[in-house]
Amino acid sequence: RRHEARAAFVDWPAAALADVDLPDDLERVRALLARR
């Protein structure tokens, strides 16, 4: 936040943000990988 005015950003699909915190997240991520 402090440096965002001079920073660069690279854009990715929203689905790539998936992290694993709960058991349901794990199944969702495994399904996404299976479709790749």
All heavy atoms as atom14 arrays in JSON, in Angstrom:
{
  "sequence": "RRHEARAAFVDWPAAALADVDLPDDLERVRALLARR",
  "atom14_mask": [
    [1, 1, 1, 1, 1, 1, 1, 1, 1, 1, 1, 0, 0, 0],
    [1, 1, 1, 1, 1, 1, 1, 1, 1, 1, 1, 0, 0, 0],
    [1, 1, 1, 1, 1, 1, 1, 1, 1, 1, 0, 0, 0, 0],
    [1, 1, 1, 1, 1, 1, 1, 1, 1, 0, 0, 0, 0, 0],
    [1, 1, 1, 1, 1, 0, 0, 0, 0, 0, 0, 0, 0, 0],
    [1, 1, 1, 1, 1, 1, 1, 1, 1, 1, 1, 0, 0, 0],
    [1, 1, 1, 1, 1, 0, 0, 0, 0, 0, 0, 0, 0, 0],
    [1, 1, 1, 1, 1, 0, 0, 0, 0, 0, 0, 0, 0, 0],
    [1, 1, 1, 1, 1, 1, 1, 1, 1, 1, 1, 0, 0, 0],
    [1, 1, 1, 1, 1, 1, 1, 0, 0, 0, 0, 0, 0, 0],
    [1, 1, 1, 1, 1, 1, 1, 1, 0, 0, 0, 0, 0, 0],
    [1, 1, 1, 1, 1, 1, 1, 1, 1, 1, 1, 1, 1, 1],
    [1, 1, 1, 1, 1, 1, 1, 0, 0, 0, 0, 0, 0, 0],
    [1, 1, 1, 1, 1, 0, 0, 0, 0, 0, 0, 0, 0, 0],
    [1, 1, 1, 1, 1, 0, 0, 0, 0, 0, 0, 0, 0, 0],
    [1, 1, 1, 1, 1, 0, 0, 0, 0, 0, 0, 0, 0, 0],
    [1, 1, 1, 1, 1, 1, 1, 1, 0, 0, 0, 0, 0, 0],
    [1, 1, 1, 1, 1, 0, 0, 0, 0, 0, 0, 0, 0, 0],
    [1, 1, 1, 1, 1, 1, 1, 1, 0, 0, 0, 0, 0, 0],
    [1, 1, 1, 1, 1, 1, 1, 0, 0, 0, 0, 0, 0, 0],
    [1, 1, 1, 1, 1, 1, 1, 1, 0, 0, 0, 0, 0, 0],
    [1, 1, 1, 1, 1, 1, 1, 1, 0, 0, 0, 0, 0, 0],
    [1, 1, 1, 1, 1, 1, 1, 0, 0, 0, 0, 0, 0, 0],
    [1, 1, 1, 1, 1, 1, 1, 1, 0, 0, 0, 0, 0, 0],
    [1, 1, 1, 1, 1, 1, 1, 1, 0, 0, 0, 0, 0, 0],
    [1, 1, 1, 1, 1, 1, 1, 1, 0, 0, 0, 0, 0, 0],
    [1, 1, 1, 1, 1, 1, 1, 1, 1, 0, 0, 0, 0, 0],
    [1, 1, 1, 1, 1, 1, 1, 1, 1, 1, 1, 0, 0, 0],
    [1, 1, 1, 1, 1, 1, 1, 0, 0, 0, 0, 0, 0, 0],
    [1, 1, 1, 1, 1, 1, 1, 1, 1, 1, 1, 0, 0, 0],
    [1, 1, 1, 1, 1, 0, 0, 0, 0, 0, 0, 0, 0, 0],
    [1, 1, 1, 1, 1, 1, 1, 1, 0, 0, 0, 0, 0, 0],
    [1, 1, 1, 1, 1, 1, 1, 1, 0, 0, 0, 0, 0, 0],
    [1, 1, 1, 1, 1, 0, 0, 0, 0, 0, 0, 0, 0, 0],
    [1, 1, 1, 1, 1, 1, 1, 1, 1, 1, 1, 0, 0, 0],
    [1, 1, 1, 1, 1, 1, 1, 1, 1, 1, 1, 0, 0, 0]
  ],
  "atom14_positions": [
    [[0.83, -1.22, 0.0], [0.0, 0.0, 0.0], [0.86, 1.26, 0.0], [0.55, 2.24, -0.67], [-0.94, 0.01, 1.22], [-2.17, -0.86, 1.05], [-3.23, -0.53, 2.09], [-2.78, -0.82, 3.44], [-2.99, -1.97, 4.06], [-3.62, -2.96, 3.45], [-2.57, -2.16, 5.3], [0.0, 0.0, 0.0], [0.0, 0.0, 0.0], [0.0, 0.0, 0.0]],
    [[1.94, 1.22, 0.76], [2.8, 2.4, 0.89], [3.44, 2.78, -0.44], [3.7, 3.95, -0.7], [3.87, 2.07, 1.95], [4.52, 3.27, 2.6], [5.46, 2.8, 3.69], [4.77, 2.13, 4.79], [5.27, 1.13, 5.51], [6.48, 0.65, 5.24], [4.57, 0.6, 6.48], [0.0, 0.0, 0.0], [0.0, 0.0, 0.0], [0.0, 0.0, 0.0]],
    [[3.71, 1.77, -1.28], [4.48, 2.02, -2.51], [3.68, 1.76, -3.79], [4.25, 1.74, -4.88], [5.74, 1.14, -2.5], [6.67, 1.48, -1.37], [7.57, 2.53, -1.43], [6.83, 0.92, -0.14], [8.24, 2.6, -0.3], [7.82, 1.63, 0.49], [0.0, 0.0, 0.0], [0.0, 0.0, 0.0], [0.0, 0.0, 0.0], [0.0, 0.0, 0.0]],
    [[2.36, 1.55, -3.67], [1.59, 1.12, -4.84], [1.59, 2.13, -5.98], [1.46, 1.75, -7.15], [0.16, 0.76, -4.45], [-0.67, 1.9, -3.92], [-2.04, 1.41, -3.48], [-2.44, 0.3, -3.87], [-2.7, 2.13, -2.71], [0.0, 0.0, 0.0], [0.0, 0.0, 0.0], [0.0, 0.0, 0.0], [0.0, 0.0, 0.0], [0.0, 0.0, 0.0]],
    [[1.77, 3.41, -5.69], [1.76, 4.41, -6.75], [2.92, 4.21, -7.73], [2.81, 4.56, -8.91], [1.82, 5.82, -6.15], [0.0, 0.0, 0.0], [0.0, 0.0, 0.0], [0.0, 0.0, 0.0], [0.0, 0.0, 0.0], [0.0, 0.0, 0.0], [0.0, 0.0, 0.0], [0.0, 0.0, 0.0], [0.0, 0.0, 0.0], [0.0, 0.0, 0.0]],
    [[4.01, 3.66, -7.24], [5.18, 3.43, -8.11], [5.38, 1.96, -8.45], [6.32, 1.59, -9.15], [6.46, 3.95, -7.43], [6.46, 5.46, -7.22], [7.8, 5.96, -6.72], [8.17, 5.35, -5.44], [9.24, 4.58, -5.25], [10.05, 4.3, -6.24], [9.49, 4.09, -4.05], [0.0, 0.0, 0.0], [0.0, 0.0, 0.0], [0.0, 0.0, 0.0]],
    [[4.47, 1.11, -7.95], [4.62, -0.34, -8.15], [4.07, -0.77, -9.51], [3.33, -0.04, -10.17], [3.89, -1.09, -7.04], [0.0, 0.0, 0.0], [0.0, 0.0, 0.0], [0.0, 0.0, 0.0], [0.0, 0.0, 0.0], [0.0, 0.0, 0.0], [0.0, 0.0, 0.0], [0.0, 0.0, 0.0], [0.0, 0.0, 0.0], [0.0, 0.0, 0.0]],
    [[4.45, -1.97, -9.91], [3.86, -2.62, -11.09], [3.03, -3.8, -10.59], [3.29, -4.37, -9.52], [4.95, -3.1, -12.04], [0.0, 0.0, 0.0], [0.0, 0.0, 0.0], [0.0, 0.0, 0.0], [0.0, 0.0, 0.0], [0.0, 0.0, 0.0], [0.0, 0.0, 0.0], [0.0, 0.0, 0.0], [0.0, 0.0, 0.0], [0.0, 0.0, 0.0]],
    [[2.02, -4.18, -11.39], [1.19, -5.32, -11.04], [1.01, -6.21, -12.26], [0.96, -5.73, -13.4], [-0.18, -4.87, -10.52], [-0.11, -4.21, -9.17], [0.1, -2.84, -9.07], [-0.2, -4.96, -8.01], [0.2, -2.23, -7.84], [-0.11, -4.35, -6.76], [0.09, -2.98, -6.67], [0.0, 0.0, 0.0], [0.0, 0.0, 0.0], [0.0, 0.0, 0.0]],
    [[0.94, -7.51, -12.01], [0.67, -8.49, -13.06], [-0.69, -9.1, -12.75], [-0.97, -9.47, -11.6], [1.76, -9.57, -13.12], [1.47, -10.56, -14.24], [3.13, -8.93, -13.31], [0.0, 0.0, 0.0], [0.0, 0.0, 0.0], [0.0, 0.0, 0.0], [0.0, 0.0, 0.0], [0.0, 0.0, 0.0], [0.0, 0.0, 0.0], [0.0, 0.0, 0.0]],
    [[-1.55, -9.18, -13.76], [-2.92, -9.67, -13.56], [-3.03, -11.16, -13.86], [-2.48, -11.65, -14.85], [-3.87, -8.89, -14.47], [-4.03, -7.45, -14.01], [-4.51, -7.25, -12.89], [-3.64, -6.53, -14.76], [0.0, 0.0, 0.0], [0.0, 0.0, 0.0], [0.0, 0.0, 0.0], [0.0, 0.0, 0.0], [0.0, 0.0, 0.0], [0.0, 0.0, 0.0]],
    [[-3.79, -11.84, -12.98], [-4.02, -13.28, -13.11], [-5.51, -13.57, -13.0], [-6.26, -12.77, -12.42], [-3.29, -14.04, -11.99], [-1.84, -13.71, -11.91], [-1.2, -13.04, -10.93], [-0.85, -14.0, -12.9], [0.14, -12.9, -11.22], [0.38, -13.48, -12.44], [-0.87, -14.66, -14.13], [1.57, -13.6, -13.14], [0.31, -14.78, -14.84], [1.51, -14.26, -14.35]],
    [[-5.96, -14.7, -13.52], [-7.37, -15.08, -13.35], [-7.73, -15.19, -11.87], [-6.92, -15.64, -11.06], [-7.46, -16.45, -14.04], [-6.27, -16.52, -14.94], [-5.2, -15.7, -14.3], [0.0, 0.0, 0.0], [0.0, 0.0, 0.0], [0.0, 0.0, 0.0], [0.0, 0.0, 0.0], [0.0, 0.0, 0.0], [0.0, 0.0, 0.0], [0.0, 0.0, 0.0]],
    [[-8.94, -14.8, -11.53], [-9.36, -14.83, -10.13], [-9.25, -16.24, -9.53], [-8.94, -16.4, -8.35], [-10.79, -14.32, -10.0], [0.0, 0.0, 0.0], [0.0, 0.0, 0.0], [0.0, 0.0, 0.0], [0.0, 0.0, 0.0], [0.0, 0.0, 0.0], [0.0, 0.0, 0.0], [0.0, 0.0, 0.0], [0.0, 0.0, 0.0], [0.0, 0.0, 0.0]],
    [[-9.46, -17.27, -10.34], [-9.41, -18.65, -9.84], [-8.03, -19.03, -9.33], [-7.9, -19.9, -8.46], [-9.85, -19.63, -10.92], [0.0, 0.0, 0.0], [0.0, 0.0, 0.0], [0.0, 0.0, 0.0], [0.0, 0.0, 0.0], [0.0, 0.0, 0.0], [0.0, 0.0, 0.0], [0.0, 0.0, 0.0], [0.0, 0.0, 0.0], [0.0, 0.0, 0.0]],
    [[-6.98, -18.39, -9.84], [-5.62, -18.73, -9.43], [-5.33, -18.31, -8.0], [-4.33, -18.72, -7.42], [-4.6, -18.09, -10.37], [0.0, 0.0, 0.0], [0.0, 0.0, 0.0], [0.0, 0.0, 0.0], [0.0, 0.0, 0.0], [0.0, 0.0, 0.0], [0.0, 0.0, 0.0], [0.0, 0.0, 0.0], [0.0, 0.0, 0.0], [0.0, 0.0, 0.0]],
    [[-6.22, -17.49, -7.42], [-6.03, -17.03, -6.05], [-6.29, -18.13, -5.03], [-5.94, -18.0, -3.87], [-6.97, -15.84, -5.79], [-6.95, -15.2, -4.41], [-5.56, -14.68, -4.06], [-7.96, -14.06, -4.34], [0.0, 0.0, 0.0], [0.0, 0.0, 0.0], [0.0, 0.0, 0.0], [0.0, 0.0, 0.0], [0.0, 0.0, 0.0], [0.0, 0.0, 0.0]],
    [[-6.91, -19.22, -5.44], [-7.36, -20.25, -4.5], [-6.28, -20.65, -3.51], [-5.17, -21.02, -3.89], [-7.82, -21.49, -5.29], [0.0, 0.0, 0.0], [0.0, 0.0, 0.0], [0.0, 0.0, 0.0], [0.0, 0.0, 0.0], [0.0, 0.0, 0.0], [0.0, 0.0, 0.0], [0.0, 0.0, 0.0], [0.0, 0.0, 0.0], [0.0, 0.0, 0.0]],
    [[-6.63, -20.55, -2.22], [-5.73, -21.05, -1.18], [-6.46, -22.14, -0.41], [-7.63, -22.4, -0.64], [-5.22, -19.93, -0.26], [-6.36, -19.22, 0.46], [-7.52, -19.54, 0.2], [-6.07, -18.34, 1.29], [0.0, 0.0, 0.0], [0.0, 0.0, 0.0], [0.0, 0.0, 0.0], [0.0, 0.0, 0.0], [0.0, 0.0, 0.0], [0.0, 0.0, 0.0]],
    [[-5.73, -22.77, 0.48], [-6.28, -23.92, 1.2], [-6.28, -23.61, 2.69], [-5.22, -23.6, 3.32], [-5.46, -25.19, 0.91], [-6.0, -26.36, 1.72], [-5.49, -25.52, -0.58], [0.0, 0.0, 0.0], [0.0, 0.0, 0.0], [0.0, 0.0, 0.0], [0.0, 0.0, 0.0], [0.0, 0.0, 0.0], [0.0, 0.0, 0.0], [0.0, 0.0, 0.0]],
    [[-7.45, -23.3, 3.22], [-7.59, -23.07, 4.66], [-8.5, -24.1, 5.32], [-8.33, -24.41, 6.49], [-8.17, -21.67, 4.92], [-7.13, -20.57, 4.71], [-5.95, -20.8, 5.06], [-7.48, -19.51, 4.19], [0.0, 0.0, 0.0], [0.0, 0.0, 0.0], [0.0, 0.0, 0.0], [0.0, 0.0, 0.0], [0.0, 0.0, 0.0], [0.0, 0.0, 0.0]],
    [[-9.49, -24.59, 4.57], [-10.5, -25.5, 5.1], [-10.58, -26.75, 4.23], [-10.16, -26.71, 3.06], [-11.86, -24.8, 5.11], [-11.97, -23.51, 5.95], [-13.23, -22.75, 5.6], [-11.91, -23.85, 7.43], [0.0, 0.0, 0.0], [0.0, 0.0, 0.0], [0.0, 0.0, 0.0], [0.0, 0.0, 0.0], [0.0, 0.0, 0.0], [0.0, 0.0, 0.0]],
    [[-11.11, -27.85, 4.75], [-11.23, -29.07, 3.93], [-11.97, -28.84, 2.61], [-11.6, -29.41, 1.58], [-12.0, -30.02, 4.86], [-11.59, -29.6, 6.24], [-11.48, -28.1, 6.16], [0.0, 0.0, 0.0], [0.0, 0.0, 0.0], [0.0, 0.0, 0.0], [0.0, 0.0, 0.0], [0.0, 0.0, 0.0], [0.0, 0.0, 0.0], [0.0, 0.0, 0.0]],
    [[-12.99, -27.97, 2.61], [-13.72, -27.69, 1.36], [-12.81, -27.02, 0.33], [-12.95, -27.25, -0.87], [-14.93, -26.79, 1.64], [-16.06, -27.54, 2.33], [-15.97, -28.78, 2.43], [-17.03, -26.89, 2.75], [0.0, 0.0, 0.0], [0.0, 0.0, 0.0], [0.0, 0.0, 0.0], [0.0, 0.0, 0.0], [0.0, 0.0, 0.0], [0.0, 0.0, 0.0]],
    [[-11.89, -26.18, 0.81], [-10.94, -25.52, -0.1], [-10.08, -26.56, -0.81], [-9.77, -26.43, -2.0], [-10.02, -24.56, 0.66], [-10.77, -23.44, 1.34], [-11.85, -23.06, 0.86], [-10.26, -22.94, 2.36], [0.0, 0.0, 0.0], [0.0, 0.0, 0.0], [0.0, 0.0, 0.0], [0.0, 0.0, 0.0], [0.0, 0.0, 0.0], [0.0, 0.0, 0.0]],
    [[-9.7, -27.58, -0.07], [-8.85, -28.63, -0.62], [-9.55, -29.33, -1.79], [-8.94, -29.53, -2.85], [-8.51, -29.62, 0.49], [-7.48, -30.69, 0.18], [-6.15, -30.08, -0.19], [-7.33, -31.61, 1.39], [0.0, 0.0, 0.0], [0.0, 0.0, 0.0], [0.0, 0.0, 0.0], [0.0, 0.0, 0.0], [0.0, 0.0, 0.0], [0.0, 0.0, 0.0]],
    [[-10.8, -29.66, -1.61], [-11.53, -30.33, -2.69], [-11.7, -29.41, -3.89], [-11.62, -29.85, -5.03], [-12.89, -30.81, -2.17], [-12.79, -31.87, -1.08], [-11.82, -32.99, -1.43], [-11.9, -33.53, -2.56], [-10.96, -33.31, -0.59], [0.0, 0.0, 0.0], [0.0, 0.0, 0.0], [0.0, 0.0, 0.0], [0.0, 0.0, 0.0], [0.0, 0.0, 0.0]],
    [[-11.94, -28.12, -3.63], [-12.11, -27.17, -4.73], [-10.82, -27.04, -5.55], [-10.84, -27.05, -6.78], [-12.52, -25.81, -4.18], [-12.9, -24.8, -5.27], [-13.33, -23.47, -4.69], [-12.22, -22.66, -4.26], [-11.86, -22.45, -3.01], [-12.53, -23.02, -2.02], [-10.83, -21.68, -2.71], [0.0, 0.0, 0.0], [0.0, 0.0, 0.0], [0.0, 0.0, 0.0]],
    [[-9.69, -26.95, -4.85], [-8.4, -26.82, -5.53], [-8.08, -28.08, -6.33], [-7.6, -28.0, -7.47], [-7.29, -26.5, -4.5], [-5.91, -26.73, -5.1], [-7.41, -25.06, -4.02], [0.0, 0.0, 0.0], [0.0, 0.0, 0.0], [0.0, 0.0, 0.0], [0.0, 0.0, 0.0], [0.0, 0.0, 0.0], [0.0, 0.0, 0.0], [0.0, 0.0, 0.0]],
    [[-8.34, -29.24, -5.74], [-8.09, -30.49, -6.47], [-8.94, -30.56, -7.72], [-8.47, -31.03, -8.79], [-8.38, -31.69, -5.55], [-7.27, -31.93, -4.53], [-7.65, -33.0, -3.52], [-6.52, -33.35, -2.65], [-6.65, -33.94, -1.48], [-7.85, -34.24, -1.01], [-5.58, -34.24, -0.76], [0.0, 0.0, 0.0], [0.0, 0.0, 0.0], [0.0, 0.0, 0.0]],
    [[-10.18, -30.09, -7.67], [-11.04, -30.09, -8.84], [-10.52, -29.13, -9.91], [-10.53, -29.44, -11.1], [-12.47, -29.71, -8.44], [0.0, 0.0, 0.0], [0.0, 0.0, 0.0], [0.0, 0.0, 0.0], [0.0, 0.0, 0.0], [0.0, 0.0, 0.0], [0.0, 0.0, 0.0], [0.0, 0.0, 0.0], [0.0, 0.0, 0.0], [0.0, 0.0, 0.0]],
    [[-10.04, -27.95, -9.48], [-9.47, -26.99, -10.44], [-8.25, -27.56, -11.14], [-8.07, -27.41, -12.35], [-9.11, -25.69, -9.71], [-10.27, -24.78, -9.32], [-9.81, -23.69, -8.37], [-10.89, -24.14, -10.56], [0.0, 0.0, 0.0], [0.0, 0.0, 0.0], [0.0, 0.0, 0.0], [0.0, 0.0, 0.0], [0.0, 0.0, 0.0], [0.0, 0.0, 0.0]],
    [[-7.38, -28.22, -10.36], [-6.19, -28.82, -10.96], [-6.55, -29.94, -11.93], [-5.91, -30.11, -12.96], [-5.26, -29.34, -9.85], [-4.49, -28.27, -9.08], [-3.81, -28.89, -7.87], [-3.47, -27.58, -9.97], [0.0, 0.0, 0.0], [0.0, 0.0, 0.0], [0.0, 0.0, 0.0], [0.0, 0.0, 0.0], [0.0, 0.0, 0.0], [0.0, 0.0, 0.0]],
    [[-7.56, -30.71, -11.58], [-7.97, -31.82, -12.44], [-8.48, -31.33, -13.79], [-8.35, -32.03, -14.8], [-9.04, -32.65, -11.74], [0.0, 0.0, 0.0], [0.0, 0.0, 0.0], [0.0, 0.0, 0.0], [0.0, 0.0, 0.0], [0.0, 0.0, 0.0], [0.0, 0.0, 0.0], [0.0, 0.0, 0.0], [0.0, 0.0, 0.0], [0.0, 0.0, 0.0]],
    [[-9.05, -30.11, -13.81], [-9.58, -29.57, -15.07], [-8.51, -28.93, -15.94], [-8.76, -28.6, -17.08], [-10.66, -28.51, -14.76], [-11.95, -29.12, -14.22], [-13.12, -28.18, -14.42], [-13.0, -26.96, -13.63], [-13.49, -26.83, -12.39], [-14.07, -27.85, -11.8], [-13.37, -25.68, -11.74], [0.0, 0.0, 0.0], [0.0, 0.0, 0.0], [0.0, 0.0, 0.0]],
    [[-7.31, -28.71, -15.38], [-6.25, -28.05, -16.15], [-5.66, -29.01, -17.18], [-5.5, -30.17, -16.92], [-5.15, -27.54, -15.23], [-5.62, -26.32, -14.44], [-4.44, -25.67, -13.76], [-4.85, -24.35, -13.26], [-4.0, -23.47, -12.74], [-2.73, -23.76, -12.66], [-4.44, -22.31, -12.32], [0.0, 0.0, 0.0], [0.0, 0.0, 0.0], [0.0, 0.0, 0.0]]
  ]
}
